Amino acid sequence: MTAAGNSHIACSNCQSHNHTHYTKTADMEYFTGKEEYDFYHCDDCDVIFIYPLPLNTLDTIYPKNYYSFTDNPKGFSFRVKYRLDRLFLKKKLATLSQKELHVLDIGGGTGWLCDIIKKADPRVIETQIVDIDRDAQERANQKGHLFFCGLIEQFETNRKYDVILMLNLVEHVANPQAVLLKAKELLSPNGIIIIQTPNHRSFDARLFRNSYWGGLHCPRHWIIFSKQSFLSLVHRCGLQVHQFRYTQGAAFWAVSILHTLRKWKLMKADASAPLVYHPAFGFISILAALFDFLRQPFAPLSQMLLILKLPEK
């Protein structure tokens, strides 16, 4: 039921006014300000959304030390992640029959994922990044990636892409449907869209809801789906799900646990030393990933991984 006085608030996914208040929190990871943000649960389409959208504060809420704007984040857990990402991408690209591969990474930052995908498959001849950070643009160009500085909805090209990467992207945008439709428009006939996005129907989301769940990534995550709500969005956009599975949410666990320790005054963190760069982040992430992998066959985890294709004709 819509809270009294909040009937003007509309879900950013389905525009319904039927919602309940989910939580209220500030930026507990990068500490970009003290302002608190309200998150609501849409009772019609089952998403968590932030309201109002912090549209005019992107330069503030995405600080210069944001992880995707960094070329080589240090730490054992990051090195493990990069190795796993390379193996995953190599396996997925091996299913494609094209002699040459053109890759588009939406929200690709400095191009660390494009670096990996070029090493994963020698058929990758072009890597295009779309992101909002001009500093990232300079570094990406230096590494040989094309870069468009702006929103994907503003990106214009005659190129069709064989691989479109949207890893931890759709939860950051004001209109996920518009972004998916744009990706569909840019996809080659036999291409794939690889998406990873949080799932709010997970154990850790419930466990840390009244403290701080890392999956909120406040105030940078604007909409958080469940399996049901995201598959519904994919269907509305006229795309086909080739593969769906839950995957580990180690970073969410690590942020949630570190925030709890900070709240108990057992550790310190601030804007100059965000939680993601804390010395314990990697160790906690590894333990959390192992925990998630063990329970993966039995429970929905806090990340969803999808491979999408164009409908078969």
C-alpha atoms as a PDB file:
ATOM      1  CA  MET A   1       0.000   0.000   0.000  1.00  0.00           C
ATOM      2  CA  THR A   2       1.260   3.429  -0.853  1.00  0.00           C
ATOM      3  CA  ALA A   3       2.405   5.370   2.179  1.00  0.00           C
ATOM      4  CA  ALA A   4       0.251   8.372   3.044  1.00  0.00           C
ATOM      5  CA  GLY A   5       1.501  11.515   1.373  1.00  0.00           C
ATOM      6  CA  ASN A   6       3.643   9.582  -1.116  1.00  0.00           C
ATOM      7  CA  SER A   7       1.069   8.998  -3.846  1.00  0.00           C
ATOM      8  CA  HIS A   8       3.143  11.179  -6.234  1.00  0.00           C
ATOM      9  CA  ILE A   9       6.026   8.673  -6.162  1.00  0.00           C
ATOM     10  CA  ALA A  10       6.062   6.423  -9.227  1.00  0.00           C
ATOM     11  CA  CYS A  11       8.086   3.263  -9.746  1.00  0.00           C
ATOM     12  CA  SER A  12      10.896   3.873 -12.234  1.00  0.00           C
ATOM     13  CA  ASN A  13      10.257   0.465 -13.801  1.00  0.00           C
ATOM     14  CA  CYS A  14       6.474   0.238 -14.230  1.00  0.00           C
ATOM     15  CA  GLN A  15       5.307   3.745 -13.131  1.00  0.00           C
ATOM     16  CA  SER A  16       2.985   2.222 -10.530  1.00  0.00           C
ATOM     17  CA  HIS A  17       2.143   4.266  -7.429  1.00  0.00           C
ATOM     18  CA  ASN A  18       1.588   1.124  -5.372  1.00  0.00           C
ATOM     19  CA  HIS A  19       4.689   0.984  -3.163  1.00  0.00           C
ATOM     20  CA  THR A  20       5.955   0.628   0.400  1.00  0.00           C
ATOM     21  CA  HIS A  21       8.960   2.279   2.010  1.00  0.00           C
ATOM     22  CA  TYR A  22      11.961  -0.087   1.970  1.00  0.00           C
ATOM     23  CA  THR A  23      14.750   1.763   3.775  1.00  0.00           C
ATOM     24  CA  LYS A  24      16.464   5.124   4.208  1.00  0.00           C
ATOM     25  CA  THR A  25      20.251   5.455   4.121  1.00  0.00           C
ATOM     26  CA  ALA A  26      23.198   7.603   3.116  1.00  0.00           C
ATOM     27  CA  ASP A  27      26.308   6.740   1.109  1.00  0.00           C
ATOM     28  CA  MET A  28      27.964   4.183   3.384  1.00  0.00           C
ATOM     29  CA  GLU A  29      30.669   3.103   0.928  1.00  0.00           C
ATOM     30  CA  TYR A  30      32.318   6.169  -0.636  1.00  0.00           C
ATOM     31  CA  PHE A  31      30.959   8.728   1.869  1.00  0.00           C
ATOM     32  CA  THR A  32      30.258  11.317  -0.819  1.00  0.00           C
ATOM     33  CA  GLY A  33      27.854  13.233   1.445  1.00  0.00           C
ATOM     34  CA  LYS A  34      25.623  13.033   4.500  1.00  0.00           C
ATOM     35  CA  GLU A  35      22.322  13.238   2.611  1.00  0.00           C
ATOM     36  CA  GLU A  36      20.003  10.291   3.173  1.00  0.00           C
ATOM     37  CA  TYR A  37      18.059   8.646   0.352  1.00  0.00           C
ATOM     38  CA  ASP A  38      14.747   6.812   0.396  1.00  0.00           C
ATOM     39  CA  PHE A  39      14.306   3.427  -1.265  1.00  0.00           C
ATOM     40  CA  TYR A  40      10.842   2.016  -2.020  1.00  0.00           C
ATOM     41  CA  HIS A  41       9.552  -1.402  -2.959  1.00  0.00           C
ATOM     42  CA  CYS A  42       7.132  -1.490  -5.889  1.00  0.00           C
ATOM     43  CA  ASP A  43       4.373  -3.869  -4.847  1.00  0.00           C
ATOM     44  CA  ASP A  44       3.268  -4.339  -8.455  1.00  0.00           C
ATOM     45  CA  CYS A  45       6.499  -5.224 -10.300  1.00  0.00           C
ATOM     46  CA  ASP A  46       8.776  -6.215  -7.381  1.00  0.00           C
ATOM     47  CA  VAL A  47      11.682  -3.804  -7.767  1.00  0.00           C
ATOM     48  CA  ILE A  48      13.444  -1.611  -5.230  1.00  0.00           C
ATOM     49  CA  PHE A  49      13.859   1.962  -6.475  1.00  0.00           C
ATOM     50  CA  ILE A  50      15.377   5.170  -5.143  1.00  0.00           C
ATOM     51  CA  TYR A  51      13.284   8.334  -5.033  1.00  0.00           C
ATOM     52  CA  PRO A  52      13.953  11.035  -5.937  1.00  0.00           C
ATOM     53  CA  LEU A  53      16.609  10.166  -8.492  1.00  0.00           C
ATOM     54  CA  PRO A  54      19.881  12.048  -7.804  1.00  0.00           C
ATOM     55  CA  LEU A  55      20.140  13.029 -11.470  1.00  0.00           C
ATOM     56  CA  ASN A  56      21.996  16.286 -10.942  1.00  0.00           C
ATOM     57  CA  THR A  57      24.687  14.969  -8.612  1.00  0.00           C
ATOM     58  CA  LEU A  58      26.516  12.432 -10.794  1.00  0.00           C
ATOM     59  CA  ASP A  59      29.868  14.207 -10.433  1.00  0.00           C
ATOM     60  CA  THR A  60      29.497  13.974  -6.667  1.00  0.00           C
ATOM     61  CA  ILE A  61      28.107  10.478  -6.155  1.00  0.00           C
ATOM     62  CA  TYR A  62      30.660   8.994  -8.585  1.00  0.00           C
ATOM     63  CA  PRO A  63      33.930  10.210  -7.035  1.00  0.00           C
ATOM     64  CA  LYS A  64      37.280  10.128  -8.809  1.00  0.00           C
ATOM     65  CA  ASN A  65      38.313   7.080  -6.771  1.00  0.00           C
ATOM     66  CA  TYR A  66      35.235   5.091  -7.856  1.00  0.00           C
ATOM     67  CA  TYR A  67      36.355   1.520  -8.557  1.00  0.00           C
ATOM     68  CA  SER A  68      35.451   1.395 -12.268  1.00  0.00           C
ATOM     69  CA  PHE A  69      37.374   4.635 -12.887  1.00  0.00           C
ATOM     70  CA  THR A  70      40.543   2.980 -11.568  1.00  0.00           C
ATOM     71  CA  ASP A  71      42.833   1.167 -13.996  1.00  0.00           C
ATOM     72  CA  ASN A  72      44.268  -1.475 -11.706  1.00  0.00           C
ATOM     73  CA  PRO A  73      42.557  -1.860  -8.336  1.00  0.00           C
ATOM     74  CA  LYS A  74      45.011  -3.582  -6.010  1.00  0.00           C
ATOM     75  CA  GLY A  75      44.387  -6.650  -3.912  1.00  0.00           C
ATOM     76  CA  PHE A  76      44.253 -10.415  -4.205  1.00  0.00           C
ATOM     77  CA  SER A  77      40.460 -10.487  -4.556  1.00  0.00           C
ATOM     78  CA  PHE A  78      40.599  -8.148  -7.572  1.00  0.00           C
ATOM     79  CA  ARG A  79      43.253 -10.326  -9.226  1.00  0.00           C
ATOM     80  CA  VAL A  80      41.107 -13.413  -8.657  1.00  0.00           C
ATOM     81  CA  LYS A  81      38.078 -11.596 -10.058  1.00  0.00           C
ATOM     82  CA  TYR A  82      39.934 -10.576 -13.209  1.00  0.00           C
ATOM     83  CA  ARG A  83      41.092 -14.142 -13.800  1.00  0.00           C
ATOM     84  CA  LEU A  84      37.572 -15.491 -13.356  1.00  0.00           C
ATOM     85  CA  ASP A  85      36.171 -12.774 -15.634  1.00  0.00           C
ATOM     86  CA  ARG A  86      38.674 -13.712 -18.336  1.00  0.00           C
ATOM     87  CA  LEU A  87      37.760 -17.412 -18.145  1.00  0.00           C
ATOM     88  CA  PHE A  88      34.050 -16.575 -18.222  1.00  0.00           C
ATOM     89  CA  LEU A  89      34.335 -14.249 -21.216  1.00  0.00           C
ATOM     90  CA  LYS A  90      36.563 -16.672 -23.104  1.00  0.00           C
ATOM     91  CA  LYS A  91      33.952 -19.382 -22.658  1.00  0.00           C
ATOM     92  CA  LYS A  92      31.071 -17.161 -23.801  1.00  0.00           C
ATOM     93  CA  LEU A  93      32.901 -15.760 -26.817  1.00  0.00           C
ATOM     94  CA  ALA A  94      33.802 -19.302 -27.892  1.00  0.00           C
ATOM     95  CA  THR A  95      30.102 -19.890 -28.605  1.00  0.00           C
ATOM     96  CA  LEU A  96      30.124 -17.162 -31.282  1.00  0.00           C
ATOM     97  CA  SER A  97      30.931 -18.098 -34.877  1.00  0.00           C
ATOM     98  CA  GLN A  98      31.904 -14.646 -36.171  1.00  0.00           C
ATOM     99  CA  LYS A  99      35.419 -14.304 -37.613  1.00  0.00           C
ATOM    100  CA  GLU A 100      35.736 -10.824 -36.121  1.00  0.00           C
ATOM    101  CA  LEU A 101      34.145  -9.500 -32.949  1.00  0.00           C
ATOM    102  CA  HIS A 102      33.106  -5.948 -32.172  1.00  0.00           C
ATOM    103  CA  VAL A 103      32.540  -5.314 -28.473  1.00  0.00           C
ATOM    104  CA  LEU A 104      30.550  -2.582 -26.733  1.00  0.00           C
ATOM    105  CA  ASP A 105      30.974  -2.086 -22.987  1.00  0.00           C
ATOM    106  CA  ILE A 106      28.287   0.160 -21.505  1.00  0.00           C
ATOM    107  CA  GLY A 107      29.564   1.750 -18.309  1.00  0.00           C
ATOM    108  CA  GLY A 108      33.039   0.386 -19.020  1.00  0.00           C
ATOM    109  CA  GLY A 109      35.057   3.060 -17.217  1.00  0.00           C
ATOM    110  CA  THR A 110      38.745   3.010 -18.112  1.00  0.00           C
ATOM    111  CA  GLY A 111      38.306  -0.194 -20.086  1.00  0.00           C
ATOM    112  CA  TRP A 112      39.558  -2.823 -17.660  1.00  0.00           C
ATOM    113  CA  LEU A 113      36.896  -5.271 -18.880  1.00  0.00           C
ATOM    114  CA  CYS A 114      37.689  -4.490 -22.507  1.00  0.00           C
ATOM    115  CA  ASP A 115      41.349  -5.196 -21.690  1.00  0.00           C
ATOM    116  CA  ILE A 116      40.304  -8.616 -20.429  1.00  0.00           C
ATOM    117  CA  ILE A 117      38.057  -9.460 -23.361  1.00  0.00           C
ATOM    118  CA  LYS A 118      40.782  -8.584 -25.887  1.00  0.00           C
ATOM    119  CA  LYS A 119      43.083 -11.036 -24.128  1.00  0.00           C
ATOM    120  CA  ALA A 120      40.318 -13.638 -23.930  1.00  0.00           C
ATOM    121  CA  ASP A 121      39.730 -13.859 -27.701  1.00  0.00           C
ATOM    122  CA  PRO A 122      42.015 -12.715 -30.548  1.00  0.00           C
ATOM    123  CA  ARG A 123      38.975 -12.162 -32.803  1.00  0.00           C
ATOM    124  CA  VAL A 124      38.118  -8.983 -30.860  1.00  0.00           C
ATOM    125  CA  ILE A 125      39.164  -6.212 -33.245  1.00  0.00           C
ATOM    126  CA  GLU A 126      37.236  -3.248 -31.809  1.00  0.00           C
ATOM    127  CA  THR A 127      36.263  -2.256 -28.293  1.00  0.00           C
ATOM    128  CA  GLN A 128      33.875   0.636 -27.740  1.00  0.00           C
ATOM    129  CA  ILE A 129      33.191   2.072 -24.289  1.00  0.00           C
ATOM    130  CA  VAL A 130      30.276   4.299 -23.310  1.00  0.00           C
ATOM    131  CA  ASP A 131      30.658   6.030 -19.948  1.00  0.00           C
ATOM    132  CA  ILE A 132      30.231   9.405 -18.261  1.00  0.00           C
ATOM    133  CA  ASP A 133      33.743  10.006 -16.856  1.00  0.00           C
ATOM    134  CA  ARG A 134      36.108  12.149 -18.960  1.00  0.00           C
ATOM    135  CA  ASP A 135      39.171  11.083 -16.994  1.00  0.00           C
ATOM    136  CA  ALA A 136      38.273   7.472 -17.778  1.00  0.00           C
ATOM    137  CA  GLN A 137      37.986   8.452 -21.441  1.00  0.00           C
ATOM    138  CA  GLU A 138      41.595   9.597 -21.606  1.00  0.00           C
ATOM    139  CA  ARG A 139      42.906   6.403 -20.028  1.00  0.00           C
ATOM    140  CA  ALA A 140      40.667   4.178 -22.166  1.00  0.00           C
ATOM    141  CA  ASN A 141      41.838   5.894 -25.362  1.00  0.00           C
ATOM    142  CA  GLN A 142      45.457   5.424 -24.326  1.00  0.00           C
ATOM    143  CA  LYS A 143      44.814   1.670 -24.169  1.00  0.00           C
ATOM    144  CA  GLY A 144      43.308   1.570 -27.652  1.00  0.00           C
ATOM    145  CA  HIS A 145      39.603   1.583 -26.809  1.00  0.00           C
ATOM    146  CA  LEU A 146      37.092   3.845 -28.516  1.00  0.00           C
ATOM    147  CA  PHE A 147      35.170   5.980 -26.041  1.00  0.00           C
ATOM    148  CA  PHE A 148      31.912   7.910 -26.079  1.00  0.00           C
ATOM    149  CA  CYS A 149      31.496  10.208 -23.087  1.00  0.00           C
ATOM    150  CA  GLY A 150      27.802  10.348 -22.282  1.00  0.00           C
ATOM    151  CA  LEU A 151      24.751   8.168 -21.780  1.00  0.00           C
ATOM    152  CA  ILE A 152      24.114   5.108 -23.935  1.00  0.00           C
ATOM    153  CA  GLU A 153      20.811   6.639 -25.062  1.00  0.00           C
ATOM    154  CA  GLN A 154      22.868   9.461 -26.643  1.00  0.00           C
ATOM    155  CA  PHE A 155      25.307   7.155 -28.438  1.00  0.00           C
ATOM    156  CA  GLU A 156      24.854   7.085 -32.228  1.00  0.00           C
ATOM    157  CA  THR A 157      26.640   4.712 -34.602  1.00  0.00           C
ATOM    158  CA  ASN A 158      26.028   2.552 -37.673  1.00  0.00           C
ATOM    159  CA  ARG A 159      28.029  -0.267 -36.069  1.00  0.00           C
ATOM    160  CA  LYS A 160      26.363  -3.452 -34.844  1.00  0.00           C
ATOM    161  CA  TYR A 161      28.079  -5.186 -31.953  1.00  0.00           C
ATOM    162  CA  ASP A 162      28.606  -8.905 -31.495  1.00  0.00           C
ATOM    163  CA  VAL A 163      29.086  -8.629 -27.738  1.00  0.00           C
ATOM    164  CA  ILE A 164      27.459  -5.982 -25.562  1.00  0.00           C
ATOM    165  CA  LEU A 165      28.589  -5.908 -21.944  1.00  0.00           C
ATOM    166  CA  MET A 166      26.259  -4.505 -19.307  1.00  0.00           C
ATOM    167  CA  LEU A 167      27.873  -5.756 -16.117  1.00  0.00           C
ATOM    168  CA  ASN A 168      26.431  -4.002 -13.084  1.00  0.00           C
ATOM    169  CA  LEU A 169      24.951  -1.286 -15.267  1.00  0.00           C
ATOM    170  CA  VAL A 170      21.150  -1.379 -15.509  1.00  0.00           C
ATOM    171  CA  GLU A 171      20.732  -0.749 -11.783  1.00  0.00           C
ATOM    172  CA  HIS A 172      22.548   2.589 -12.239  1.00  0.00           C
ATOM    173  CA  VAL A 173      20.212   4.097 -14.859  1.00  0.00           C
ATOM    174  CA  ALA A 174      17.003   6.103 -14.716  1.00  0.00           C
ATOM    175  CA  ASN A 175      15.233   4.106 -17.425  1.00  0.00           C
ATOM    176  CA  PRO A 176      16.423   0.473 -17.713  1.00  0.00           C
ATOM    177  CA  GLN A 177      13.910  -0.267 -20.474  1.00  0.00           C
ATOM    178  CA  ALA A 178      15.313   2.505 -22.680  1.00  0.00           C
ATOM    179  CA  VAL A 179      18.838   1.178 -22.104  1.00  0.00           C
ATOM    180  CA  LEU A 180      17.858  -2.395 -22.989  1.00  0.00           C
ATOM    181  CA  LEU A 181      16.049  -1.219 -26.113  1.00  0.00           C
ATOM    182  CA  LYS A 182      19.132   0.748 -27.156  1.00  0.00           C
ATOM    183  CA  ALA A 183      21.299  -2.327 -26.632  1.00  0.00           C
ATOM    184  CA  LYS A 184      18.857  -4.349 -28.729  1.00  0.00           C
ATOM    185  CA  GLU A 185      19.152  -1.757 -31.513  1.00  0.00           C
ATOM    186  CA  LEU A 186      22.964  -2.019 -31.455  1.00  0.00           C
ATOM    187  CA  LEU A 187      23.160  -5.826 -31.312  1.00  0.00           C
ATOM    188  CA  SER A 188      24.280  -7.813 -34.366  1.00  0.00           C
ATOM    189  CA  PRO A 189      21.950 -10.614 -35.569  1.00  0.00           C
ATOM    190  CA  ASN A 190      23.996 -13.382 -33.912  1.00  0.00           C
ATOM    191  CA  GLY A 191      25.316 -11.303 -31.047  1.00  0.00           C
ATOM    192  CA  ILE A 192      24.867 -11.576 -27.299  1.00  0.00           C
ATOM    193  CA  ILE A 193      24.188  -9.151 -24.468  1.00  0.00           C
ATOM    194  CA  ILE A 194      25.841 -10.117 -21.190  1.00  0.00           C
ATOM    195  CA  ILE A 195      24.125  -8.619 -18.145  1.00  0.00           C
ATOM    196  CA  GLN A 196      24.894  -8.816 -14.466  1.00  0.00           C
ATOM    197  CA  THR A 197      22.656  -7.034 -11.986  1.00  0.00           C
ATOM    198  CA  PRO A 198      21.744  -7.323  -8.282  1.00  0.00           C
ATOM    199  CA  ASN A 199      18.867  -9.409  -6.944  1.00  0.00           C
ATOM    200  CA  HIS A 200      17.059  -8.018  -3.916  1.00  0.00           C
ATOM    201  CA  ARG A 201      15.405 -11.397  -3.236  1.00  0.00           C
ATOM    202  CA  SER A 202      18.512 -12.765  -1.560  1.00  0.00           C
ATOM    203  CA  PHE A 203      19.523 -13.817   1.937  1.00  0.00           C
ATOM    204  CA  ASP A 204      22.072 -11.040   2.449  1.00  0.00           C
ATOM    205  CA  ALA A 205      19.579  -8.395   1.260  1.00  0.00           C
ATOM    206  CA  ARG A 206      17.148  -9.538   3.961  1.00  0.00           C
ATOM    207  CA  LEU A 207      19.874  -9.950   6.593  1.00  0.00           C
ATOM    208  CA  PHE A 208      21.303  -6.430   6.223  1.00  0.00           C
ATOM    209  CA  ARG A 209      18.146  -4.554   5.253  1.00  0.00           C
ATOM    210  CA  ASN A 210      17.911  -2.696   8.575  1.00  0.00           C
ATOM    211  CA  SER A 211      21.638  -1.993   8.724  1.00  0.00           C
ATOM    212  CA  TYR A 212      23.078  -1.448   5.239  1.00  0.00           C
ATOM    213  CA  TRP A 213      22.986  -3.942   2.387  1.00  0.00           C
ATOM    214  CA  GLY A 214      25.878  -3.518  -0.027  1.00  0.00           C
ATOM    215  CA  GLY A 215      23.586  -4.211  -2.980  1.00  0.00           C
ATOM    216  CA  LEU A 216      21.940  -0.826  -2.463  1.00  0.00           C
ATOM    217  CA  HIS A 217      25.257   0.832  -3.354  1.00  0.00           C
ATOM    218  CA  CYS A 218      23.545   4.040  -2.256  1.00  0.00           C
ATOM    219  CA  PRO A 219      23.026   6.426  -3.987  1.00  0.00           C
ATOM    220  CA  ARG A 220      24.392   4.883  -7.202  1.00  0.00           C
ATOM    221  CA  HIS A 221      21.950   1.984  -7.556  1.00  0.00           C
ATOM    222  CA  TRP A 222      18.655   3.490  -8.658  1.00  0.00           C
ATOM    223  CA  ILE A 223      16.679   0.309  -9.322  1.00  0.00           C
ATOM    224  CA  ILE A 224      17.204  -3.241  -8.075  1.00  0.00           C
ATOM    225  CA  PHE A 225      15.348  -6.137  -9.657  1.00  0.00           C
ATOM    226  CA  SER A 226      14.321  -9.631  -8.706  1.00  0.00           C
ATOM    227  CA  LYS A 227      14.407 -12.516 -11.190  1.00  0.00           C
ATOM    228  CA  GLN A 228      10.702 -12.111 -11.891  1.00  0.00           C
ATOM    229  CA  SER A 229      10.840  -8.366 -12.462  1.00  0.00           C
ATOM    230  CA  PHE A 230      13.945  -8.460 -14.646  1.00  0.00           C
ATOM    231  CA  LEU A 231      12.682 -11.281 -16.861  1.00  0.00           C
ATOM    232  CA  SER A 232       9.487  -9.291 -17.298  1.00  0.00           C
ATOM    233  CA  LEU A 233      11.530  -6.277 -18.445  1.00  0.00           C
ATOM    234  CA  VAL A 234      13.492  -8.422 -20.906  1.00  0.00           C
ATOM    235  CA  HIS A 235      10.234  -9.749 -22.342  1.00  0.00           C
ATOM    236  CA  ARG A 236       8.822  -6.222 -22.769  1.00  0.00           C
ATOM    237  CA  CYS A 237      11.941  -5.256 -24.700  1.00  0.00           C
ATOM    238  CA  GLY A 238      11.526  -8.135 -27.138  1.00  0.00           C
ATOM    239  CA  LEU A 239      14.737  -9.936 -26.204  1.00  0.00           C
ATOM    240  CA  GLN A 240      15.237 -13.632 -25.514  1.00  0.00           C
ATOM    241  CA  VAL A 241      16.926 -15.098 -22.461  1.00  0.00           C
ATOM    242  CA  HIS A 242      19.534 -17.573 -23.644  1.00  0.00           C
ATOM    243  CA  GLN A 243      20.882 -18.209 -20.152  1.00  0.00           C
ATOM    244  CA  PHE A 244      19.998 -17.201 -16.602  1.00  0.00           C
ATOM    245  CA  ARG A 245      21.710 -18.061 -13.358  1.00  0.00           C
ATOM    246  CA  TYR A 246      22.368 -16.594  -9.955  1.00  0.00           C
ATOM    247  CA  THR A 247      25.962 -15.782  -9.099  1.00  0.00           C
ATOM    248  CA  GLN A 248      27.932 -14.744  -6.056  1.00  0.00           C
ATOM    249  CA  GLY A 249      27.576 -11.302  -4.514  1.00  0.00           C
ATOM    250  CA  ALA A 250      30.850 -11.244  -2.587  1.00  0.00           C
ATOM    251  CA  ALA A 251      31.289  -7.469  -2.849  1.00  0.00           C
ATOM    252  CA  PHE A 252      27.822  -6.887  -1.376  1.00  0.00           C
ATOM    253  CA  TRP A 253      28.627  -9.150   1.567  1.00  0.00           C
ATOM    254  CA  ALA A 254      31.974  -7.407   2.116  1.00  0.00           C
ATOM    255  CA  VAL A 255      30.484  -3.908   2.107  1.00  0.00           C
ATOM    256  CA  SER A 256      27.620  -4.977   4.377  1.00  0.00           C
ATOM    257  CA  ILE A 257      29.951  -6.587   6.910  1.00  0.00           C
ATOM    258  CA  LEU A 258      32.494  -3.759   6.863  1.00  0.00           C
ATOM    259  CA  HIS A 259      29.735  -1.210   7.368  1.00  0.00           C
ATOM    260  CA  THR A 260      28.499  -3.192  10.374  1.00  0.00           C
ATOM    261  CA  LEU A 261      32.017  -3.239  11.843  1.00  0.00           C
ATOM    262  CA  ARG A 262      32.297   0.515  11.254  1.00  0.00           C
ATOM    263  CA  LYS A 263      28.943   1.092  12.940  1.00  0.00           C
ATOM    264  CA  TRP A 264      30.213  -0.876  15.944  1.00  0.00           C
ATOM    265  CA  LYS A 265      33.333   1.366  15.883  1.00  0.00           C
ATOM    266  CA  LEU A 266      35.608  -1.612  15.219  1.00  0.00           C
ATOM    267  CA  MET A 267      37.095   0.011  12.104  1.00  0.00           C
ATOM    268  CA  LYS A 268      37.279   3.356  10.318  1.00  0.00           C
ATOM    269  CA  ALA A 269      36.510   4.466   6.771  1.00  0.00           C
ATOM    270  CA  ASP A 270      35.834   7.793   5.065  1.00  0.00           C
ATOM    271  CA  ALA A 271      35.785   9.478   1.660  1.00  0.00           C
ATOM    272  CA  SER A 272      39.563   9.186   1.351  1.00  0.00           C
ATOM    273  CA  ALA A 273      39.439   5.463   2.184  1.00  0.00           C
ATOM    274  CA  PRO A 274      36.159   3.927   0.918  1.00  0.00           C
ATOM    275  CA  LEU A 275      35.065   0.506   2.139  1.00  0.00           C
ATOM    276  CA  VAL A 276      35.967  -1.151  -1.176  1.00  0.00           C
ATOM    277  CA  TYR A 277      39.642  -0.280  -0.580  1.00  0.00           C
ATOM    278  CA  HIS A 278      39.746  -1.437   3.050  1.00  0.00           C
ATOM    279  CA  PRO A 279      42.474  -4.075   3.680  1.00  0.00           C
ATOM    280  CA  ALA A 280      39.853  -6.567   4.888  1.00  0.00           C
ATOM    281  CA  PHE A 281      37.641  -6.171   1.812  1.00  0.00           C
ATOM    282  CA  GLY A 282      39.445  -8.818  -0.213  1.00  0.00           C
ATOM    283  CA  PHE A 283      39.574 -11.400   2.574  1.00  0.00           C
ATOM    284  CA  ILE A 284      35.868 -10.996   3.366  1.00  0.00           C
ATOM    285  CA  SER A 285      35.007 -11.131  -0.354  1.00  0.00           C
ATOM    286  CA  ILE A 286      36.810 -14.440  -0.798  1.00  0.00           C
ATOM    287  CA  LEU A 287      35.024 -16.012   2.176  1.00  0.00           C
ATOM    288  CA  ALA A 288      31.679 -14.629   0.986  1.00  0.00           C
ATOM    289  CA  ALA A 289      32.230 -15.936  -2.554  1.00  0.00           C
ATOM    290  CA  LEU A 290      32.976 -19.412  -1.203  1.00  0.00           C
ATOM    291  CA  PHE A 291      29.838 -19.254   0.943  1.00  0.00           C
ATOM    292  CA  ASP A 292      27.742 -18.216  -2.058  1.00  0.00           C
ATOM    293  CA  PHE A 293      29.202 -20.898  -4.334  1.00  0.00           C
ATOM    294  CA  LEU A 294      28.392 -23.579  -1.743  1.00  0.00           C
ATOM    295  CA  ARG A 295      24.763 -22.526  -1.459  1.00  0.00           C
ATOM    296  CA  GLN A 296      24.268 -21.604  -5.135  1.00  0.00           C
ATOM    297  CA  PRO A 297      22.334 -24.814  -6.003  1.00  0.00           C
ATOM    298  CA  PHE A 298      19.879 -24.218  -3.172  1.00  0.00           C
ATOM    299  CA  ALA A 299      19.107 -20.506  -2.920  1.00  0.00           C
ATOM    300  CA  PRO A 300      18.900 -17.311  -5.015  1.00  0.00           C
ATOM    301  CA  LEU A 301      22.089 -15.294  -4.606  1.00  0.00           C
ATOM    302  CA  SER A 302      22.424 -11.513  -4.696  1.00  0.00           C
ATOM    303  CA  GLN A 303      23.603 -11.226  -8.308  1.00  0.00           C
ATOM    304  CA  MET A 304      21.886 -12.348 -11.504  1.00  0.00           C
ATOM    305  CA  LEU A 305      23.761 -13.189 -14.707  1.00  0.00           C
ATOM    306  CA  LEU A 306      21.935 -13.271 -18.031  1.00  0.00           C
ATOM    307  CA  ILE A 307      22.856 -13.878 -21.667  1.00  0.00           C
ATOM    308  CA  LEU A 308      20.333 -12.241 -24.002  1.00  0.00           C
ATOM    309  CA  LYS A 309      19.855 -12.614 -27.752  1.00  0.00           C
ATOM    310  CA  LEU A 310      17.620 -11.244 -30.453  1.00  0.00           C
ATOM    311  CA  PRO A 311      14.454 -13.298 -31.102  1.00  0.00           C
ATOM    312  CA  GLU A 312      14.827 -16.112 -33.591  1.00  0.00           C
ATOM    313  CA  LYS A 313      13.135 -15.380 -36.891  1.00  0.00           C
END
